[in-house]
Amino acid sequence: MRGVEHPEPFPSGAGGAAGESFFDGCHLVDFVLRFVRVRFHRSAFKHGFDEASILHVVNQALVVIDLDSDADPPKALVIGPDSAGNLVEVIWLELDEDALVIPAMALPPFFYNFLPAGEDPTS
């Protein structure tokens, strides 16, 4: 997967110690997701989402974050709505010819900072 890096870093203070963010060193990217195949690890379903719901979130992505592009395999996070409009986070591993979805869960408030302007569900 290739993307376009945003020029501004993530805001600090999103977690961690003394102004460090959990996401320091990560890059926010914009791209269209196209995979030959999406596979699902059993952990993808532990929060009650099924394959169709997870694919809906990925296809309707509002934000994609490259969590660890230097890892082998690279890890990414997508934030998007499920079919009822609830915000969901999906994490996947980028394998050679497909993506392996690992956890999918309701979006915790911690990630609201990464939504595009006007998408904060608390306002």
N, C-alpha and C. Protein backbone atom coordinates (compact mmCIF):
# COMPACT_ATOMS: atom_id res chain seq x y z
N MET A 1 0.83 -1.17 0.00
CA MET A 1 0.00 0.00 0.00
C MET A 1 0.88 1.24 0.00
N ARG A 2 0.50 2.19 -0.78
CA ARG A 2 1.23 3.44 -0.82
C ARG A 2 0.26 4.56 -0.48
N GLY A 3 0.78 5.60 0.14
CA GLY A 3 -0.06 6.73 0.51
C GLY A 3 0.68 8.03 0.38
N VAL A 4 0.01 9.09 0.69
CA VAL A 4 0.61 10.42 0.68
C VAL A 4 0.67 10.90 2.12
N GLU A 5 1.86 11.22 2.59
CA GLU A 5 2.02 11.67 3.96
C GLU A 5 1.46 13.07 4.12
N HIS A 6 0.82 13.29 5.27
CA HIS A 6 0.38 14.64 5.61
C HIS A 6 1.59 15.40 6.13
N PRO A 7 1.71 16.69 5.81
CA PRO A 7 2.89 17.44 6.21
C PRO A 7 2.96 17.73 7.70
N GLU A 8 1.82 17.71 8.40
CA GLU A 8 1.83 18.03 9.81
C GLU A 8 1.86 16.76 10.64
N PRO A 9 2.67 16.73 11.70
CA PRO A 9 2.71 15.55 12.56
C PRO A 9 1.45 15.47 13.40
N PHE A 10 1.24 14.31 14.02
CA PHE A 10 0.12 14.16 14.94
C PHE A 10 0.28 15.12 16.11
N PRO A 11 -0.81 15.57 16.69
CA PRO A 11 -0.70 16.42 17.87
C PRO A 11 -0.11 15.62 19.02
N SER A 12 0.80 16.25 19.78
CA SER A 12 1.37 15.55 20.91
C SER A 12 0.41 15.62 22.07
N GLY A 13 0.66 14.81 23.08
CA GLY A 13 -0.19 14.79 24.25
C GLY A 13 -1.38 13.86 24.12
N ALA A 14 -1.43 13.06 23.07
CA ALA A 14 -2.55 12.15 22.89
C ALA A 14 -2.41 10.92 23.78
N GLY A 15 -1.38 10.85 24.52
CA GLY A 15 -1.14 9.72 25.43
C GLY A 15 0.34 9.59 25.66
N GLY A 16 0.75 8.80 26.61
CA GLY A 16 2.16 8.62 26.87
C GLY A 16 2.65 9.57 27.94
N ALA A 17 3.93 9.58 28.16
CA ALA A 17 4.52 10.36 29.24
C ALA A 17 5.07 11.68 28.74
N ALA A 18 4.94 12.70 29.53
CA ALA A 18 5.58 14.01 29.33
C ALA A 18 5.49 14.51 27.91
N GLY A 19 4.27 14.65 27.39
CA GLY A 19 4.08 15.21 26.06
C GLY A 19 4.32 14.25 24.92
N GLU A 20 4.71 13.01 25.21
CA GLU A 20 4.89 12.04 24.14
C GLU A 20 3.53 11.50 23.73
N SER A 21 3.38 11.27 22.47
CA SER A 21 2.16 10.67 21.96
C SER A 21 2.42 9.22 21.65
N PHE A 22 1.40 8.40 21.82
CA PHE A 22 1.50 7.00 21.42
C PHE A 22 1.84 6.91 19.95
N PHE A 23 1.41 7.92 19.17
CA PHE A 23 1.59 7.90 17.73
C PHE A 23 2.78 8.71 17.25
N ASP A 24 3.65 9.18 18.15
CA ASP A 24 4.85 9.88 17.70
C ASP A 24 5.62 8.98 16.76
N GLY A 25 6.01 9.51 15.63
CA GLY A 25 6.75 8.73 14.65
C GLY A 25 5.86 8.06 13.61
N CYS A 26 4.53 8.08 13.81
CA CYS A 26 3.61 7.51 12.83
C CYS A 26 3.30 8.58 11.78
N HIS A 27 2.83 8.17 10.64
CA HIS A 27 2.48 9.09 9.56
C HIS A 27 1.04 8.88 9.16
N LEU A 28 0.32 9.98 9.00
CA LEU A 28 -1.05 9.92 8.51
C LEU A 28 -0.98 9.94 6.99
N VAL A 29 -1.70 9.04 6.36
CA VAL A 29 -1.64 8.93 4.90
C VAL A 29 -3.03 8.92 4.29
N ASP A 30 -3.13 9.40 3.06
CA ASP A 30 -4.36 9.34 2.28
C ASP A 30 -4.12 8.39 1.12
N PHE A 31 -5.01 7.44 0.90
CA PHE A 31 -4.92 6.59 -0.26
C PHE A 31 -6.21 5.81 -0.42
N VAL A 32 -6.37 5.25 -1.58
CA VAL A 32 -7.51 4.40 -1.86
C VAL A 32 -7.09 2.97 -1.55
N LEU A 33 -7.92 2.28 -0.79
CA LEU A 33 -7.59 0.91 -0.41
C LEU A 33 -8.03 -0.06 -1.50
N ARG A 34 -7.12 -0.84 -1.98
CA ARG A 34 -7.44 -1.88 -2.96
C ARG A 34 -6.59 -3.09 -2.63
N PHE A 35 -7.24 -4.17 -2.29
CA PHE A 35 -6.54 -5.39 -1.96
C PHE A 35 -7.02 -6.50 -2.88
N VAL A 36 -6.12 -7.42 -3.18
CA VAL A 36 -6.52 -8.61 -3.92
C VAL A 36 -7.44 -9.44 -3.02
N ARG A 37 -7.11 -9.49 -1.74
CA ARG A 37 -7.88 -10.31 -0.81
C ARG A 37 -7.75 -9.74 0.59
N VAL A 38 -8.84 -9.77 1.32
CA VAL A 38 -8.82 -9.40 2.73
C VAL A 38 -9.10 -10.66 3.53
N ARG A 39 -8.23 -10.96 4.46
CA ARG A 39 -8.42 -12.11 5.33
C ARG A 39 -8.71 -11.60 6.73
N PHE A 40 -9.33 -12.44 7.53
CA PHE A 40 -9.73 -12.05 8.87
C PHE A 40 -9.15 -13.02 9.90
N HIS A 41 -8.37 -12.48 10.82
CA HIS A 41 -7.90 -13.28 11.95
C HIS A 41 -9.07 -13.42 12.91
N ARG A 42 -9.10 -14.48 13.70
CA ARG A 42 -10.24 -14.67 14.62
C ARG A 42 -10.38 -13.50 15.59
N SER A 43 -9.30 -12.80 15.90
CA SER A 43 -9.38 -11.65 16.81
C SER A 43 -10.15 -10.49 16.20
N ALA A 44 -10.34 -10.49 14.88
CA ALA A 44 -11.10 -9.41 14.23
C ALA A 44 -12.54 -9.39 14.70
N PHE A 45 -13.05 -10.52 15.15
CA PHE A 45 -14.46 -10.65 15.48
C PHE A 45 -14.76 -10.61 16.98
N LYS A 46 -13.75 -10.46 17.81
CA LYS A 46 -13.97 -10.59 19.25
C LYS A 46 -14.82 -9.47 19.85
N HIS A 47 -15.03 -8.37 19.13
CA HIS A 47 -15.86 -7.28 19.63
C HIS A 47 -17.22 -7.24 18.96
N GLY A 48 -17.60 -8.34 18.28
CA GLY A 48 -18.94 -8.48 17.74
C GLY A 48 -19.15 -8.03 16.31
N PHE A 49 -18.11 -7.62 15.61
CA PHE A 49 -18.25 -7.22 14.21
C PHE A 49 -18.07 -8.43 13.30
N ASP A 50 -18.89 -8.51 12.25
CA ASP A 50 -18.75 -9.60 11.29
C ASP A 50 -17.98 -9.10 10.06
N GLU A 51 -17.70 -9.99 9.11
CA GLU A 51 -16.91 -9.63 7.93
C GLU A 51 -17.54 -8.48 7.15
N ALA A 52 -18.84 -8.52 6.93
CA ALA A 52 -19.51 -7.47 6.16
C ALA A 52 -19.39 -6.11 6.84
N SER A 53 -19.52 -6.09 8.16
CA SER A 53 -19.40 -4.83 8.90
C SER A 53 -17.99 -4.26 8.81
N ILE A 54 -17.01 -5.14 8.95
CA ILE A 54 -15.61 -4.70 8.88
C ILE A 54 -15.29 -4.16 7.49
N LEU A 55 -15.73 -4.86 6.46
CA LEU A 55 -15.48 -4.39 5.09
C LEU A 55 -16.19 -3.06 4.83
N HIS A 56 -17.35 -2.86 5.41
CA HIS A 56 -18.05 -1.57 5.27
C HIS A 56 -17.21 -0.45 5.87
N VAL A 57 -16.65 -0.68 7.05
CA VAL A 57 -15.79 0.33 7.69
C VAL A 57 -14.60 0.67 6.79
N VAL A 58 -13.94 -0.36 6.27
CA VAL A 58 -12.76 -0.15 5.42
C VAL A 58 -13.15 0.57 4.13
N ASN A 59 -14.26 0.19 3.53
CA ASN A 59 -14.69 0.83 2.28
C ASN A 59 -15.17 2.26 2.46
N GLN A 60 -15.60 2.61 3.67
CA GLN A 60 -16.09 3.97 3.96
C GLN A 60 -15.10 4.74 4.83
N ALA A 61 -13.84 4.40 4.77
CA ALA A 61 -12.82 4.97 5.66
C ALA A 61 -12.82 6.50 5.65
N LEU A 62 -12.78 7.07 6.85
CA LEU A 62 -12.60 8.51 7.01
C LEU A 62 -11.13 8.85 7.19
N VAL A 63 -10.41 7.96 7.87
CA VAL A 63 -9.00 8.18 8.19
C VAL A 63 -8.27 6.84 8.09
N VAL A 64 -7.07 6.87 7.52
CA VAL A 64 -6.19 5.71 7.51
C VAL A 64 -4.86 6.17 8.10
N ILE A 65 -4.38 5.45 9.09
CA ILE A 65 -3.13 5.80 9.77
C ILE A 65 -2.15 4.66 9.60
N ASP A 66 -0.98 4.98 9.11
CA ASP A 66 0.11 4.03 8.96
C ASP A 66 0.76 3.89 10.33
N LEU A 67 0.40 2.84 11.08
CA LEU A 67 0.90 2.71 12.44
C LEU A 67 2.37 2.35 12.52
N ASP A 68 2.81 1.46 11.66
CA ASP A 68 4.20 0.99 11.74
C ASP A 68 4.63 0.48 10.37
N SER A 69 4.99 1.41 9.49
CA SER A 69 5.35 1.03 8.12
C SER A 69 6.68 0.29 8.03
N ASP A 70 7.52 0.43 9.05
CA ASP A 70 8.81 -0.24 9.02
C ASP A 70 8.77 -1.65 9.60
N ALA A 71 7.64 -2.01 10.18
CA ALA A 71 7.50 -3.35 10.76
C ALA A 71 7.37 -4.37 9.62
N ASP A 72 7.56 -5.61 9.95
CA ASP A 72 7.38 -6.68 8.98
C ASP A 72 6.41 -7.70 9.54
N PRO A 73 5.16 -7.67 9.15
CA PRO A 73 4.54 -6.84 8.12
C PRO A 73 4.10 -5.48 8.68
N PRO A 74 3.96 -4.47 7.79
CA PRO A 74 3.49 -3.16 8.24
C PRO A 74 2.07 -3.25 8.81
N LYS A 75 1.76 -2.32 9.73
CA LYS A 75 0.46 -2.31 10.39
C LYS A 75 -0.22 -0.98 10.11
N ALA A 76 -1.54 -1.03 9.86
CA ALA A 76 -2.31 0.19 9.58
C ALA A 76 -3.61 0.16 10.38
N LEU A 77 -4.16 1.36 10.60
CA LEU A 77 -5.43 1.52 11.29
C LEU A 77 -6.35 2.34 10.41
N VAL A 78 -7.61 1.93 10.33
CA VAL A 78 -8.61 2.69 9.60
C VAL A 78 -9.73 3.05 10.57
N ILE A 79 -10.24 4.27 10.42
CA ILE A 79 -11.39 4.73 11.19
C ILE A 79 -12.49 5.02 10.19
N GLY A 80 -13.65 4.43 10.41
CA GLY A 80 -14.77 4.65 9.52
C GLY A 80 -16.07 4.26 10.18
N PRO A 81 -17.19 4.55 9.53
CA PRO A 81 -18.49 4.21 10.10
C PRO A 81 -18.92 2.79 9.74
N ASP A 82 -19.64 2.16 10.67
CA ASP A 82 -20.30 0.91 10.30
C ASP A 82 -21.60 1.25 9.59
N SER A 83 -22.39 0.27 9.23
CA SER A 83 -23.60 0.53 8.45
C SER A 83 -24.65 1.33 9.23
N ALA A 84 -24.53 1.39 10.56
CA ALA A 84 -25.44 2.19 11.38
C ALA A 84 -24.88 3.59 11.66
N GLY A 85 -23.68 3.87 11.16
CA GLY A 85 -23.07 5.19 11.36
C GLY A 85 -22.20 5.30 12.59
N ASN A 86 -22.04 4.21 13.34
CA ASN A 86 -21.16 4.22 14.51
C ASN A 86 -19.71 4.16 14.06
N LEU A 87 -18.84 4.95 14.68
CA LEU A 87 -17.43 4.94 14.29
C LEU A 87 -16.72 3.72 14.85
N VAL A 88 -15.92 3.11 13.98
CA VAL A 88 -15.24 1.86 14.29
C VAL A 88 -13.78 1.99 13.88
N GLU A 89 -12.91 1.35 14.63
CA GLU A 89 -11.50 1.25 14.24
C GLU A 89 -11.22 -0.18 13.81
N VAL A 90 -10.44 -0.30 12.74
CA VAL A 90 -10.02 -1.61 12.23
C VAL A 90 -8.51 -1.54 12.07
N ILE A 91 -7.83 -2.55 12.58
CA ILE A 91 -6.37 -2.63 12.42
C ILE A 91 -6.07 -3.85 11.56
N TRP A 92 -5.15 -3.66 10.62
CA TRP A 92 -4.77 -4.79 9.77
C TRP A 92 -3.27 -4.81 9.55
N LEU A 93 -2.79 -5.97 9.16
CA LEU A 93 -1.40 -6.17 8.77
C LEU A 93 -1.36 -6.21 7.25
N GLU A 94 -0.43 -5.50 6.66
CA GLU A 94 -0.27 -5.45 5.22
C GLU A 94 0.66 -6.58 4.78
N LEU A 95 0.09 -7.63 4.25
CA LEU A 95 0.86 -8.77 3.78
C LEU A 95 1.18 -8.57 2.30
N ASP A 96 1.95 -9.48 1.70
CA ASP A 96 2.39 -9.31 0.32
C ASP A 96 1.25 -9.08 -0.66
N GLU A 97 0.22 -9.92 -0.63
CA GLU A 97 -0.84 -9.82 -1.62
C GLU A 97 -2.21 -9.59 -1.02
N ASP A 98 -2.27 -9.40 0.29
CA ASP A 98 -3.56 -9.19 0.93
C ASP A 98 -3.38 -8.47 2.25
N ALA A 99 -4.51 -8.26 2.91
CA ALA A 99 -4.50 -7.64 4.23
C ALA A 99 -5.09 -8.62 5.22
N LEU A 100 -4.50 -8.70 6.39
CA LEU A 100 -5.02 -9.54 7.45
C LEU A 100 -5.60 -8.63 8.52
N VAL A 101 -6.93 -8.63 8.62
CA VAL A 101 -7.59 -7.80 9.62
C VAL A 101 -7.43 -8.45 10.98
N ILE A 102 -6.98 -7.65 11.94
CA ILE A 102 -6.89 -8.13 13.33
C ILE A 102 -8.01 -7.39 14.07
N PRO A 103 -7.87 -6.74 15.17
CA PRO A 103 -9.05 -6.24 15.88
C PRO A 103 -9.88 -5.22 15.11
N ALA A 104 -11.19 -5.33 15.32
CA ALA A 104 -12.16 -4.33 14.89
C ALA A 104 -13.00 -4.03 16.13
N MET A 105 -13.13 -2.74 16.48
CA MET A 105 -13.87 -2.39 17.69
C MET A 105 -14.43 -0.99 17.59
N ALA A 106 -15.38 -0.69 18.46
CA ALA A 106 -15.93 0.67 18.52
C ALA A 106 -14.78 1.64 18.76
N LEU A 107 -14.85 2.79 18.10
CA LEU A 107 -13.78 3.79 18.20
C LEU A 107 -13.74 4.38 19.59
N PRO A 108 -12.62 4.25 20.31
CA PRO A 108 -12.52 4.88 21.62
C PRO A 108 -12.33 6.39 21.46
N PRO A 109 -12.80 7.17 22.44
CA PRO A 109 -12.68 8.63 22.35
C PRO A 109 -11.25 9.12 22.11
N PHE A 110 -10.27 8.33 22.52
CA PHE A 110 -8.87 8.69 22.31
C PHE A 110 -8.57 9.01 20.85
N PHE A 111 -9.24 8.34 19.91
CA PHE A 111 -8.97 8.51 18.48
C PHE A 111 -9.78 9.62 17.82
N TYR A 112 -10.70 10.27 18.54
CA TYR A 112 -11.50 11.34 17.94
C TYR A 112 -10.62 12.47 17.40
N ASN A 113 -9.45 12.68 18.00
CA ASN A 113 -8.53 13.74 17.54
C ASN A 113 -8.06 13.52 16.11
N PHE A 114 -8.13 12.31 15.61
CA PHE A 114 -7.62 12.00 14.30
C PHE A 114 -8.68 12.07 13.21
N LEU A 115 -9.92 12.39 13.59
CA LEU A 115 -11.00 12.53 12.61
C LEU A 115 -10.87 13.86 11.87
N PRO A 116 -11.30 13.89 10.63
CA PRO A 116 -11.31 15.17 9.89
C PRO A 116 -12.23 16.17 10.60
N ALA A 117 -11.97 17.44 10.41
CA ALA A 117 -12.77 18.49 11.04
C ALA A 117 -14.24 18.25 10.74
N GLY A 118 -15.07 18.44 11.76
CA GLY A 118 -16.50 18.28 11.60
C GLY A 118 -16.99 16.86 11.81
N GLU A 119 -16.10 15.92 12.13
CA GLU A 119 -16.50 14.52 12.29
C GLU A 119 -16.52 14.09 13.75
N ASP A 120 -16.28 15.00 14.71
CA ASP A 120 -16.24 14.64 16.13
C ASP A 120 -17.64 14.28 16.60
N PRO A 121 -17.89 13.02 16.96
CA PRO A 121 -19.24 12.59 17.33
C PRO A 121 -19.68 13.12 18.69
N THR A 122 -18.79 13.75 19.45
CA THR A 122 -19.17 14.25 20.78
C THR A 122 -19.72 15.67 20.71
N SER A 123 -19.65 16.33 19.55
CA SER A 123 -20.14 17.71 19.48
C SER A 123 -21.51 17.80 18.88
